[in-house]
Amino acid sequence: MRRLGSPLTGGYGGAKWTQKLLALYLQSISDERKLGIRFVALVPKQMIAGTEIADRASKVYTAKAGILTLSWPPGPIDKPPLRKRRWLDFV
């Protein structure tokens, strides 16, 4: 049997695959019967930060890796201020 996603995320990957499969199946029936109904499943390629499922998964994966959850996911990285460069800076 093919595993769909990590068991650490509580079946998130399998649920998304099921949505896609159901939309494809229903679309084939609509096409076959010429019903003119369009079925679509919008499935994100990755978990979206800030959602409940992503926050839970993040905590599980970081705990397994031994990373403190307070430090993961990392915050925005401060970039140094841009300065004008002169041609001589590159030579």
N, C-alpha and C. Protein backbone atom coordinates (compact mmCIF):
# COMPACT_ATOMS: atom_id res chain seq x y z
N MET A 1 0.83 -1.18 0.00
CA MET A 1 0.00 0.00 0.00
C MET A 1 0.88 1.25 0.00
N ARG A 2 0.53 2.22 -0.81
CA ARG A 2 1.30 3.46 -0.92
C ARG A 2 0.99 4.40 0.24
N ARG A 3 2.04 4.89 0.88
CA ARG A 3 1.85 5.86 1.96
C ARG A 3 1.69 7.24 1.39
N LEU A 4 0.69 7.95 1.83
CA LEU A 4 0.43 9.30 1.35
C LEU A 4 0.71 10.29 2.47
N GLY A 5 1.92 10.80 2.49
CA GLY A 5 2.27 11.78 3.50
C GLY A 5 2.81 11.13 4.77
N SER A 6 3.29 11.97 5.63
CA SER A 6 3.89 11.53 6.88
C SER A 6 2.82 11.23 7.93
N PRO A 7 2.99 10.17 8.71
CA PRO A 7 2.03 9.90 9.78
C PRO A 7 2.11 10.96 10.89
N LEU A 8 3.19 11.72 10.91
CA LEU A 8 3.33 12.77 11.93
C LEU A 8 2.35 13.91 11.73
N THR A 9 1.83 14.09 10.53
CA THR A 9 0.91 15.19 10.27
C THR A 9 -0.55 14.78 10.37
N GLY A 10 -0.80 13.59 10.83
CA GLY A 10 -2.18 13.17 11.06
C GLY A 10 -2.98 12.92 9.80
N GLY A 11 -2.34 12.48 8.72
CA GLY A 11 -3.07 12.15 7.51
C GLY A 11 -3.31 13.34 6.58
N TYR A 12 -2.63 14.44 6.80
CA TYR A 12 -2.82 15.65 5.97
C TYR A 12 -2.57 15.34 4.49
N GLY A 13 -1.47 14.66 4.18
CA GLY A 13 -1.14 14.34 2.79
C GLY A 13 -2.18 13.42 2.16
N GLY A 14 -2.63 12.42 2.91
CA GLY A 14 -3.65 11.51 2.41
C GLY A 14 -4.97 12.21 2.17
N ALA A 15 -5.31 13.14 3.04
CA ALA A 15 -6.56 13.89 2.87
C ALA A 15 -6.52 14.75 1.61
N LYS A 16 -5.39 15.38 1.35
CA LYS A 16 -5.26 16.22 0.16
C LYS A 16 -5.31 15.34 -1.10
N TRP A 17 -4.69 14.17 -1.06
CA TRP A 17 -4.73 13.26 -2.20
C TRP A 17 -6.17 12.80 -2.46
N THR A 18 -6.91 12.53 -1.40
CA THR A 18 -8.30 12.10 -1.54
C THR A 18 -9.15 13.19 -2.19
N GLN A 19 -8.93 14.44 -1.82
CA GLN A 19 -9.67 15.55 -2.43
C GLN A 19 -9.39 15.60 -3.94
N LYS A 20 -8.13 15.45 -4.31
CA LYS A 20 -7.76 15.49 -5.72
C LYS A 20 -8.39 14.32 -6.48
N LEU A 21 -8.30 13.12 -5.90
CA LEU A 21 -8.85 11.94 -6.53
C LEU A 21 -10.37 12.05 -6.69
N LEU A 22 -11.05 12.56 -5.68
CA LEU A 22 -12.50 12.72 -5.74
C LEU A 22 -12.90 13.70 -6.84
N ALA A 23 -12.16 14.81 -6.95
CA ALA A 23 -12.46 15.79 -8.00
C ALA A 23 -12.25 15.18 -9.39
N LEU A 24 -11.18 14.41 -9.57
CA LEU A 24 -10.94 13.76 -10.87
C LEU A 24 -12.04 12.76 -11.20
N TYR A 25 -12.46 12.00 -10.22
CA TYR A 25 -13.52 11.01 -10.43
C TYR A 25 -14.84 11.69 -10.80
N LEU A 26 -15.22 12.70 -10.02
CA LEU A 26 -16.48 13.40 -10.29
C LEU A 26 -16.44 14.11 -11.65
N GLN A 27 -15.28 14.64 -12.03
CA GLN A 27 -15.15 15.29 -13.32
C GLN A 27 -15.34 14.29 -14.45
N SER A 28 -14.80 13.08 -14.28
CA SER A 28 -14.96 12.07 -15.34
C SER A 28 -16.43 11.69 -15.52
N ILE A 29 -17.18 11.63 -14.43
CA ILE A 29 -18.62 11.33 -14.53
C ILE A 29 -19.36 12.48 -15.21
N SER A 30 -19.02 13.71 -14.83
CA SER A 30 -19.66 14.88 -15.45
C SER A 30 -19.39 14.92 -16.95
N ASP A 31 -18.14 14.62 -17.33
CA ASP A 31 -17.78 14.62 -18.76
C ASP A 31 -18.51 13.49 -19.50
N GLU A 32 -18.56 12.33 -18.89
CA GLU A 32 -19.20 11.17 -19.51
C GLU A 32 -20.69 11.42 -19.76
N ARG A 33 -21.33 12.07 -18.80
CA ARG A 33 -22.77 12.32 -18.92
C ARG A 33 -23.10 13.69 -19.53
N LYS A 34 -22.04 14.41 -19.92
CA LYS A 34 -22.19 15.73 -20.53
C LYS A 34 -23.06 16.66 -19.68
N LEU A 35 -22.71 16.73 -18.37
CA LEU A 35 -23.46 17.55 -17.43
C LEU A 35 -23.02 19.02 -17.44
N GLY A 36 -21.83 19.26 -17.93
CA GLY A 36 -21.32 20.63 -17.96
C GLY A 36 -20.90 21.16 -16.60
N ILE A 37 -20.66 20.26 -15.66
CA ILE A 37 -20.20 20.65 -14.32
C ILE A 37 -18.69 20.47 -14.27
N ARG A 38 -18.02 21.45 -13.69
CA ARG A 38 -16.56 21.37 -13.56
C ARG A 38 -16.19 21.16 -12.11
N PHE A 39 -15.40 20.13 -11.83
CA PHE A 39 -14.93 19.83 -10.48
C PHE A 39 -13.44 20.13 -10.39
N VAL A 40 -13.07 20.84 -9.36
CA VAL A 40 -11.68 21.24 -9.17
C VAL A 40 -11.32 21.06 -7.69
N ALA A 41 -10.12 20.59 -7.44
CA ALA A 41 -9.60 20.52 -6.07
C ALA A 41 -8.35 21.39 -6.01
N LEU A 42 -8.37 22.38 -5.16
CA LEU A 42 -7.19 23.22 -4.95
C LEU A 42 -6.41 22.66 -3.77
N VAL A 43 -5.25 22.14 -4.06
CA VAL A 43 -4.44 21.48 -3.04
C VAL A 43 -3.08 22.17 -2.96
N PRO A 44 -2.73 22.72 -1.81
CA PRO A 44 -1.41 23.35 -1.69
C PRO A 44 -0.30 22.32 -1.77
N LYS A 45 0.83 22.70 -2.35
CA LYS A 45 1.97 21.79 -2.44
C LYS A 45 2.65 21.60 -1.09
N GLN A 46 2.51 22.55 -0.22
CA GLN A 46 3.12 22.45 1.09
C GLN A 46 2.18 23.05 2.13
N MET A 47 2.45 22.75 3.37
CA MET A 47 1.64 23.33 4.44
C MET A 47 1.89 24.82 4.52
N ILE A 48 0.87 25.55 4.86
CA ILE A 48 0.96 27.00 4.90
C ILE A 48 1.19 27.45 6.34
N ALA A 49 2.29 28.16 6.56
CA ALA A 49 2.65 28.62 7.90
C ALA A 49 1.54 29.49 8.48
N GLY A 50 1.32 29.31 9.78
CA GLY A 50 0.30 30.09 10.46
C GLY A 50 -1.04 29.40 10.54
N THR A 51 -1.19 28.26 9.85
CA THR A 51 -2.44 27.51 9.95
C THR A 51 -2.30 26.49 11.08
N GLU A 52 -3.43 26.03 11.59
CA GLU A 52 -3.41 25.11 12.72
C GLU A 52 -2.65 23.82 12.40
N ILE A 53 -2.91 23.24 11.23
CA ILE A 53 -2.25 21.97 10.87
C ILE A 53 -0.74 22.17 10.70
N ALA A 54 -0.34 23.28 10.11
CA ALA A 54 1.10 23.53 9.92
C ALA A 54 1.79 23.76 11.26
N ASP A 55 1.12 24.48 12.17
CA ASP A 55 1.71 24.71 13.49
C ASP A 55 1.86 23.40 14.26
N ARG A 56 0.85 22.55 14.18
CA ARG A 56 0.94 21.24 14.86
C ARG A 56 2.06 20.39 14.27
N ALA A 57 2.11 20.33 12.95
CA ALA A 57 3.14 19.53 12.28
C ALA A 57 4.53 20.06 12.61
N SER A 58 4.67 21.37 12.63
CA SER A 58 5.96 21.98 12.94
C SER A 58 6.43 21.56 14.33
N LYS A 59 5.51 21.57 15.28
CA LYS A 59 5.87 21.18 16.66
C LYS A 59 6.29 19.71 16.73
N VAL A 60 5.59 18.84 16.01
CA VAL A 60 5.91 17.42 16.02
C VAL A 60 7.27 17.16 15.38
N TYR A 61 7.51 17.76 14.21
CA TYR A 61 8.78 17.55 13.51
C TYR A 61 9.96 18.13 14.28
N THR A 62 9.78 19.32 14.86
CA THR A 62 10.89 19.92 15.61
C THR A 62 11.18 19.14 16.87
N ALA A 63 10.14 18.62 17.54
CA ALA A 63 10.36 17.80 18.74
C ALA A 63 11.13 16.54 18.38
N LYS A 64 10.77 15.92 17.27
CA LYS A 64 11.45 14.70 16.83
C LYS A 64 12.92 15.00 16.50
N ALA A 65 13.18 16.19 15.95
CA ALA A 65 14.55 16.56 15.59
C ALA A 65 15.34 17.14 16.76
N GLY A 66 14.66 17.33 17.90
CA GLY A 66 15.34 17.88 19.07
C GLY A 66 15.54 19.38 19.01
N ILE A 67 14.73 20.07 18.22
CA ILE A 67 14.82 21.53 18.10
C ILE A 67 13.77 22.15 19.01
N LEU A 68 14.15 23.18 19.73
CA LEU A 68 13.18 23.88 20.58
C LEU A 68 12.13 24.55 19.70
N THR A 69 10.86 24.39 20.05
CA THR A 69 9.79 24.96 19.23
C THR A 69 9.79 26.48 19.26
N LEU A 70 10.40 27.06 20.25
CA LEU A 70 10.46 28.52 20.30
C LEU A 70 11.34 29.08 19.19
N SER A 71 12.29 28.26 18.71
CA SER A 71 13.20 28.74 17.68
C SER A 71 12.79 28.29 16.28
N TRP A 72 11.66 27.63 16.16
CA TRP A 72 11.24 27.14 14.85
C TRP A 72 9.79 27.40 14.62
N PRO A 73 9.33 27.85 13.48
CA PRO A 73 10.14 28.23 12.34
C PRO A 73 10.86 29.54 12.60
N PRO A 74 12.00 29.72 11.94
CA PRO A 74 12.77 30.94 12.19
C PRO A 74 12.02 32.17 11.69
N GLY A 75 12.27 33.27 12.36
CA GLY A 75 11.64 34.53 11.94
C GLY A 75 12.34 35.10 10.73
N PRO A 76 11.88 36.24 10.27
CA PRO A 76 12.53 36.86 9.11
C PRO A 76 13.98 37.21 9.41
N ILE A 77 14.80 37.05 8.44
CA ILE A 77 16.22 37.36 8.59
C ILE A 77 16.45 38.82 8.23
N ASP A 78 17.07 39.53 9.15
CA ASP A 78 17.36 40.94 8.87
C ASP A 78 18.47 41.03 7.84
N LYS A 79 18.21 41.79 6.79
CA LYS A 79 19.21 42.00 5.76
C LYS A 79 19.97 43.28 6.07
N PRO A 80 21.25 43.28 5.75
CA PRO A 80 22.00 44.52 5.98
C PRO A 80 21.46 45.62 5.06
N PRO A 81 21.53 46.85 5.51
CA PRO A 81 21.02 47.93 4.67
C PRO A 81 21.81 48.02 3.36
N LEU A 82 21.12 48.32 2.30
CA LEU A 82 21.77 48.47 1.00
C LEU A 82 22.55 49.77 0.96
N ARG A 83 23.67 49.72 0.32
CA ARG A 83 24.45 50.95 0.14
C ARG A 83 24.84 51.06 -1.32
N LYS A 84 25.03 52.25 -1.74
CA LYS A 84 25.44 52.44 -3.13
C LYS A 84 26.84 51.90 -3.32
N ARG A 85 27.04 51.22 -4.42
CA ARG A 85 28.36 50.67 -4.72
C ARG A 85 28.99 51.48 -5.84
N ARG A 86 30.24 51.65 -5.71
CA ARG A 86 31.00 52.32 -6.75
C ARG A 86 31.72 51.27 -7.58
N TRP A 87 32.12 51.65 -8.76
CA TRP A 87 32.81 50.72 -9.63
C TRP A 87 34.06 50.18 -8.97
N LEU A 88 34.74 50.97 -8.18
CA LEU A 88 35.98 50.54 -7.52
C LEU A 88 35.74 49.44 -6.50
N ASP A 89 34.50 49.35 -5.96
CA ASP A 89 34.18 48.30 -4.98
C ASP A 89 34.27 46.91 -5.58
N PHE A 90 34.13 46.82 -6.88
CA PHE A 90 34.10 45.52 -7.54
C PHE A 90 35.46 45.11 -8.10
N VAL A 91 36.41 45.99 -8.10
CA VAL A 91 37.71 45.70 -8.68
C VAL A 91 38.63 45.02 -7.70
